[in-house]
Protein backbone atom coordinates (compact mmCIF):
# COMPACT_ATOMS: atom_id res chain seq x y z
CA MET A 1 24.11 2.37 1.35
CA LEU A 2 26.09 3.72 4.54
CA ARG A 3 27.02 0.91 7.02
CA ASN A 4 27.18 1.05 10.64
CA PRO A 5 29.14 -2.39 12.42
CA ALA A 6 27.25 -1.68 15.79
CA GLU A 7 23.95 -1.94 13.98
CA GLU A 8 24.89 -4.94 11.66
CA ARG A 9 25.89 -6.91 14.91
CA ASN A 10 22.90 -6.48 17.07
CA VAL A 11 20.40 -6.36 13.64
CA CYS A 12 19.72 -9.89 14.20
CA GLN A 13 19.26 -9.90 18.13
CA LEU A 14 16.77 -7.20 17.52
CA LEU A 15 14.66 -9.07 14.99
CA LYS A 16 14.55 -12.09 17.26
CA THR A 17 12.97 -10.13 20.06
CA LEU A 18 10.44 -7.88 18.09
CA LYS A 19 9.22 -11.19 16.78
CA LYS A 20 7.78 -12.26 20.11
CA TYR A 21 5.71 -9.19 20.43
CA ILE A 22 5.04 -8.39 16.51
CA ASN A 23 2.95 -10.58 14.46
CA GLY A 24 3.45 -10.22 10.69
CA ASN A 25 -0.27 -10.80 10.21
CA GLN A 26 -1.40 -7.90 12.72
CA GLU A 27 -3.13 -4.82 11.53
CA ARG A 28 -1.09 -2.21 10.59
CA LYS A 29 1.51 -0.98 13.28
CA ASN A 30 3.30 2.26 13.84
CA LEU A 31 6.96 1.98 15.61
CA LEU A 32 9.65 4.91 16.46
CA GLU A 33 13.02 4.04 16.08
CA ILE A 34 14.74 6.37 18.36
CA SER A 35 18.92 6.68 17.23
CA SER A 36 18.33 5.02 14.30
CA GLY A 37 21.93 5.73 12.90
CA VAL A 38 22.40 5.08 9.01
CA GLY A 39 18.61 3.13 8.93
CA LEU A 40 19.45 -0.19 8.71
CA HIS A 41 17.48 -1.26 11.49
CA ALA A 42 14.66 0.09 9.76
CA GLN A 43 14.94 -1.54 6.42
CA TYR A 44 15.71 -4.66 8.09
CA LEU A 45 12.75 -4.27 9.91
CA SER A 46 10.59 -3.00 6.75
CA LYS A 47 11.49 -6.18 5.15
CA THR A 48 10.56 -8.54 8.09
CA PHE A 49 7.24 -6.76 9.19
CA PRO A 50 5.87 -5.31 6.15
CA ASN A 51 2.65 -4.37 8.32
CA LEU A 52 5.14 -1.91 10.62
CA ASN A 53 5.03 1.48 9.70
CA ILE A 54 9.14 2.27 10.88
CA GLN A 55 9.50 6.35 11.41
CA THR A 56 13.23 7.28 12.44
CA HIS A 57 13.34 10.13 14.96
CA GLN A 58 15.49 11.85 12.45
CA ASN A 59 12.61 11.76 9.98
CA LEU A 60 9.88 12.61 12.64
CA ILE A 61 12.14 15.64 13.28
CA GLN A 62 11.94 16.58 9.97
CA GLU A 63 8.23 16.31 9.71
CA CYS A 64 7.75 18.17 12.94
CA LEU A 65 9.80 21.02 11.28
CA LYS A 66 8.00 21.55 8.56
CA VAL A 67 4.69 21.35 10.32
CA LEU A 68 5.97 24.13 12.85
CA LYS A 69 7.17 25.98 9.76
CA ASN A 70 3.52 25.80 8.35
CA ILE A 71 2.09 26.69 11.66
CA LEU A 72 4.73 29.86 11.85
CA SER A 73 3.58 31.21 8.75
CA LEU A 74 -0.33 30.70 9.44
CA VAL A 75 0.22 32.86 12.65
CA ARG A 76 2.41 35.48 11.04
CA MET A 77 -0.21 35.86 8.70
CA PHE A 78 -3.03 35.92 11.26
CA MET A 79 -1.04 38.31 13.75
CA SER A 80 -0.06 40.52 10.36
CA GLN A 81 -4.16 40.96 9.72
CA TYR A 82 -4.34 41.56 13.88
CA ILE A 83 -2.21 44.26 13.96
CA LEU A 84 -3.54 46.29 10.80
CA ILE A 85 -7.46 45.56 12.21
CA PHE A 86 -5.55 47.25 15.48
CA ARG A 87 -4.13 50.34 14.06
CA ARG A 88 -7.44 51.01 12.20
CA ILE A 89 -9.19 51.27 15.24
């Protein structure tokens, strides 16, 4: 596991603050962690708040890129068919 001293120093304060706003018995919620570093906070948060779906911004960016690549493939496929139809006219 990677380590980051800054994340380790502030994880307790982060947990303390979030406990004021997040109840462990609530329905499943989504949390986006910005500037997630090595993911230490996400690990601690997932253990403390099992009802949270924690998404780090790095993972979100990767997922968005996958979706955009799929969309681009569909657009290319559509455009190639459109060009073929246009050439026949």
